[in-house]
């Protein structure tokens, strides 16, 4: 599936070829802290299928609990997280942040990883009161 998107301010835009079966949620504590929320929603895009169209992301390198280094790309203007990937010159794939993809409503998570780190309430949101917009 071809997707496109960008950051909140429009500085960074991209397009990618993705497989909708590769949409997931990551509950690791690093993702919780990096997003400022409970998890990261992502979809894998192979290197050959990902292309930046405009802008240059700022890269922050983090070391995971496995010792592997990960590049975290975000817009230097608005701070939107764009992708993460292995911290190598030519990563095999990019983990695109679902919220930056224009077609995000068509992409439903198919897996959840690092569930042992998930906040307890995340798996129990069904009974939480919902509002169409801020009350």
C-alpha atoms as a PDB file:
ATOM      1  CA  UNK A   1       0.000   0.000   0.000  1.00  0.00           C
ATOM      2  CA  UNK A   2       1.314   3.431  -0.883  1.00  0.00           C
ATOM      3  CA  UNK A   3       1.121   5.988   1.941  1.00  0.00           C
ATOM      4  CA  UNK A   4       2.290   9.556   2.386  1.00  0.00           C
ATOM      5  CA  UNK A   5       2.509  11.958   5.250  1.00  0.00           C
ATOM      6  CA  UNK A   6       4.565  14.392   7.206  1.00  0.00           C
ATOM      7  CA  UNK A   7       5.055  16.299  10.399  1.00  0.00           C
ATOM      8  CA  UNK A   8       2.534  18.640  12.011  1.00  0.00           C
ATOM      9  CA  UNK A   9       4.043  21.850  10.600  1.00  0.00           C
ATOM     10  CA  UNK A  10       4.646  20.472   7.079  1.00  0.00           C
ATOM     11  CA  UNK A  11       8.426  20.876   7.155  1.00  0.00           C
ATOM     12  CA  UNK A  12       9.006  17.144   6.631  1.00  0.00           C
ATOM     13  CA  UNK A  13       7.036  15.093   4.104  1.00  0.00           C
ATOM     14  CA  UNK A  14       7.510  11.523   2.935  1.00  0.00           C
ATOM     15  CA  UNK A  15       5.995   8.675   0.962  1.00  0.00           C
ATOM     16  CA  UNK A  16       6.346   4.946   1.497  1.00  0.00           C
ATOM     17  CA  UNK A  17       5.231   1.524   0.400  1.00  0.00           C
ATOM     18  CA  UNK A  18       4.017  -0.448   3.407  1.00  0.00           C
ATOM     19  CA  UNK A  19       2.234  -3.690   4.197  1.00  0.00           C
ATOM     20  CA  UNK A  20      -0.864  -2.972   6.349  1.00  0.00           C
ATOM     21  CA  UNK A  21      -0.173  -6.261   8.160  1.00  0.00           C
ATOM     22  CA  UNK A  22       2.982  -4.614   9.593  1.00  0.00           C
ATOM     23  CA  UNK A  23       1.100  -2.084  11.754  1.00  0.00           C
ATOM     24  CA  UNK A  24       1.751  -2.443  15.456  1.00  0.00           C
ATOM     25  CA  UNK A  25       1.910  -0.894  18.899  1.00  0.00           C
ATOM     26  CA  UNK A  26       5.047  -0.800  21.048  1.00  0.00           C
ATOM     27  CA  UNK A  27       4.594  -0.606  24.819  1.00  0.00           C
ATOM     28  CA  UNK A  28       8.290  -0.434  25.792  1.00  0.00           C
ATOM     29  CA  UNK A  29       9.215   2.106  28.436  1.00  0.00           C
ATOM     30  CA  UNK A  30      11.438   3.999  25.963  1.00  0.00           C
ATOM     31  CA  UNK A  31       8.446   4.508  23.636  1.00  0.00           C
ATOM     32  CA  UNK A  32       6.315   5.616  26.565  1.00  0.00           C
ATOM     33  CA  UNK A  33       8.891   8.239  27.501  1.00  0.00           C
ATOM     34  CA  UNK A  34       9.688   9.316  23.927  1.00  0.00           C
ATOM     35  CA  UNK A  35       6.011   9.794  23.045  1.00  0.00           C
ATOM     36  CA  UNK A  36       4.977  11.230  26.388  1.00  0.00           C
ATOM     37  CA  UNK A  37       2.087   8.742  26.334  1.00  0.00           C
ATOM     38  CA  UNK A  38       1.345   5.024  26.742  1.00  0.00           C
ATOM     39  CA  UNK A  39       2.741   3.514  23.505  1.00  0.00           C
ATOM     40  CA  UNK A  40       3.976   4.108  19.968  1.00  0.00           C
ATOM     41  CA  UNK A  41       1.850   3.186  16.945  1.00  0.00           C
ATOM     42  CA  UNK A  42       4.028   2.292  13.962  1.00  0.00           C
ATOM     43  CA  UNK A  43       4.205   0.579  10.593  1.00  0.00           C
ATOM     44  CA  UNK A  44       7.304  -0.900   8.979  1.00  0.00           C
ATOM     45  CA  UNK A  45       8.485   0.476   5.642  1.00  0.00           C
ATOM     46  CA  UNK A  46      11.369  -1.229   3.817  1.00  0.00           C
ATOM     47  CA  UNK A  47      14.271   1.088   2.971  1.00  0.00           C
ATOM     48  CA  UNK A  48      13.609   0.725  -0.767  1.00  0.00           C
ATOM     49  CA  UNK A  49       9.998   1.801  -0.230  1.00  0.00           C
ATOM     50  CA  UNK A  50      10.626   4.921   1.889  1.00  0.00           C
ATOM     51  CA  UNK A  51      11.448   8.355   0.525  1.00  0.00           C
ATOM     52  CA  UNK A  52      11.757  11.745   2.222  1.00  0.00           C
ATOM     53  CA  UNK A  53      10.189  14.369  -0.023  1.00  0.00           C
ATOM     54  CA  UNK A  54      11.029  17.501   1.955  1.00  0.00           C
ATOM     55  CA  UNK A  55      12.847  18.586   5.067  1.00  0.00           C
ATOM     56  CA  UNK A  56      15.665  17.070   7.067  1.00  0.00           C
ATOM     57  CA  UNK A  57      14.768  15.349  10.316  1.00  0.00           C
ATOM     58  CA  UNK A  58      16.797  15.810  13.469  1.00  0.00           C
ATOM     59  CA  UNK A  59      18.162  12.466  14.674  1.00  0.00           C
ATOM     60  CA  UNK A  60      18.405  11.419  18.293  1.00  0.00           C
ATOM     61  CA  UNK A  61      20.263   8.181  19.045  1.00  0.00           C
ATOM     62  CA  UNK A  62      19.100   6.005  21.912  1.00  0.00           C
ATOM     63  CA  UNK A  63      20.446   2.717  23.224  1.00  0.00           C
ATOM     64  CA  UNK A  64      17.798   0.081  23.888  1.00  0.00           C
ATOM     65  CA  UNK A  65      17.796  -2.464  26.693  1.00  0.00           C
ATOM     66  CA  UNK A  66      19.357  -4.960  24.240  1.00  0.00           C
ATOM     67  CA  UNK A  67      22.299  -2.602  23.719  1.00  0.00           C
ATOM     68  CA  UNK A  68      21.255  -1.881  20.126  1.00  0.00           C
ATOM     69  CA  UNK A  69      21.385   1.742  19.028  1.00  0.00           C
ATOM     70  CA  UNK A  70      18.264   3.222  17.409  1.00  0.00           C
ATOM     71  CA  UNK A  71      17.935   6.444  15.430  1.00  0.00           C
ATOM     72  CA  UNK A  72      14.846   8.465  16.357  1.00  0.00           C
ATOM     73  CA  UNK A  73      13.927  10.973  13.630  1.00  0.00           C
ATOM     74  CA  UNK A  74      11.763  13.994  14.373  1.00  0.00           C
ATOM     75  CA  UNK A  75      10.980  17.386  12.886  1.00  0.00           C
ATOM     76  CA  UNK A  76      13.360  20.043  14.258  1.00  0.00           C
ATOM     77  CA  UNK A  77      10.589  22.672  13.936  1.00  0.00           C
ATOM     78  CA  UNK A  78       7.477  21.097  15.490  1.00  0.00           C
ATOM     79  CA  UNK A  79       8.934  18.007  17.205  1.00  0.00           C
ATOM     80  CA  UNK A  80       6.720  15.450  15.418  1.00  0.00           C
ATOM     81  CA  UNK A  81       8.253  11.984  15.558  1.00  0.00           C
ATOM     82  CA  UNK A  82       8.609  10.690  11.987  1.00  0.00           C
ATOM     83  CA  UNK A  83      10.371   7.323  12.237  1.00  0.00           C
ATOM     84  CA  UNK A  84      12.859   5.155  14.080  1.00  0.00           C
ATOM     85  CA  UNK A  85      15.384   2.772  12.567  1.00  0.00           C
ATOM     86  CA  UNK A  86      18.599   0.950  13.299  1.00  0.00           C
ATOM     87  CA  UNK A  87      21.463   3.395  13.789  1.00  0.00           C
ATOM     88  CA  UNK A  88      23.325   2.327  10.642  1.00  0.00           C
ATOM     89  CA  UNK A  89      24.087   4.091   7.355  1.00  0.00           C
ATOM     90  CA  UNK A  90      21.510   2.064   5.398  1.00  0.00           C
ATOM     91  CA  UNK A  91      18.832   0.594   7.676  1.00  0.00           C
ATOM     92  CA  UNK A  92      16.790  -2.336   6.332  1.00  0.00           C
ATOM     93  CA  UNK A  93      13.523  -0.711   7.367  1.00  0.00           C
ATOM     94  CA  UNK A  94      11.963   2.337   8.964  1.00  0.00           C
ATOM     95  CA  UNK A  95       9.348   2.242  11.708  1.00  0.00           C
ATOM     96  CA  UNK A  96       7.089   5.069  10.542  1.00  0.00           C
ATOM     97  CA  UNK A  97       4.986   6.742  13.217  1.00  0.00           C
ATOM     98  CA  UNK A  98       1.359   6.050  12.392  1.00  0.00           C
ATOM     99  CA  UNK A  99       0.140   9.510  13.386  1.00  0.00           C
ATOM    100  CA  UNK A 100       2.253  11.119  10.658  1.00  0.00           C
ATOM    101  CA  UNK A 101       0.687   9.010   7.870  1.00  0.00           C
ATOM    102  CA  UNK A 102      -2.223  10.629   6.016  1.00  0.00           C
ATOM    103  CA  UNK A 103      -3.930   7.241   5.508  1.00  0.00           C
ATOM    104  CA  UNK A 104      -3.726   6.346   9.235  1.00  0.00           C
ATOM    105  CA  UNK A 105      -7.478   5.646   9.516  1.00  0.00           C
ATOM    106  CA  UNK A 106      -7.013   2.733   7.111  1.00  0.00           C
ATOM    107  CA  UNK A 107      -4.204   1.185   9.192  1.00  0.00           C
ATOM    108  CA  UNK A 108      -5.258  -0.957  12.144  1.00  0.00           C
ATOM    109  CA  UNK A 109      -2.682  -2.471  14.531  1.00  0.00           C
ATOM    110  CA  UNK A 110      -2.107  -6.174  13.924  1.00  0.00           C
ATOM    111  CA  UNK A 111       0.304  -6.797  16.803  1.00  0.00           C
ATOM    112  CA  UNK A 112       1.507  -5.360  20.107  1.00  0.00           C
ATOM    113  CA  UNK A 113       5.082  -5.700  21.354  1.00  0.00           C
ATOM    114  CA  UNK A 114       6.715  -5.212  24.746  1.00  0.00           C
ATOM    115  CA  UNK A 115       3.331  -5.883  26.401  1.00  0.00           C
ATOM    116  CA  UNK A 116       4.990  -6.700  29.718  1.00  0.00           C
ATOM    117  CA  UNK A 117       5.805  -2.959  29.954  1.00  0.00           C
ATOM    118  CA  UNK A 118       2.290  -1.835  29.001  1.00  0.00           C
ATOM    119  CA  UNK A 119       0.468   0.414  31.431  1.00  0.00           C
ATOM    120  CA  UNK A 120      -2.238  -1.721  33.056  1.00  0.00           C
ATOM    121  CA  UNK A 121      -5.134   0.456  31.920  1.00  0.00           C
ATOM    122  CA  UNK A 122      -4.166   0.417  28.221  1.00  0.00           C
ATOM    123  CA  UNK A 123      -5.598  -3.065  27.702  1.00  0.00           C
ATOM    124  CA  UNK A 124      -8.866  -2.082  29.443  1.00  0.00           C
ATOM    125  CA  UNK A 125     -10.054   1.063  27.636  1.00  0.00           C
ATOM    126  CA  UNK A 126     -13.473  -0.303  26.596  1.00  0.00           C
ATOM    127  CA  UNK A 127     -15.392   1.064  29.608  1.00  0.00           C
ATOM    128  CA  UNK A 128     -13.706   4.507  29.582  1.00  0.00           C
ATOM    129  CA  UNK A 129     -16.233   7.266  28.811  1.00  0.00           C
ATOM    130  CA  UNK A 130     -15.890   8.640  25.271  1.00  0.00           C
ATOM    131  CA  UNK A 131     -16.646  12.120  23.931  1.00  0.00           C
ATOM    132  CA  UNK A 132     -16.762  13.138  20.227  1.00  0.00           C
ATOM    133  CA  UNK A 133     -14.680  16.188  21.192  1.00  0.00           C
ATOM    134  CA  UNK A 134     -13.482  17.860  24.394  1.00  0.00           C
ATOM    135  CA  UNK A 135     -16.447  18.123  26.835  1.00  0.00           C
END
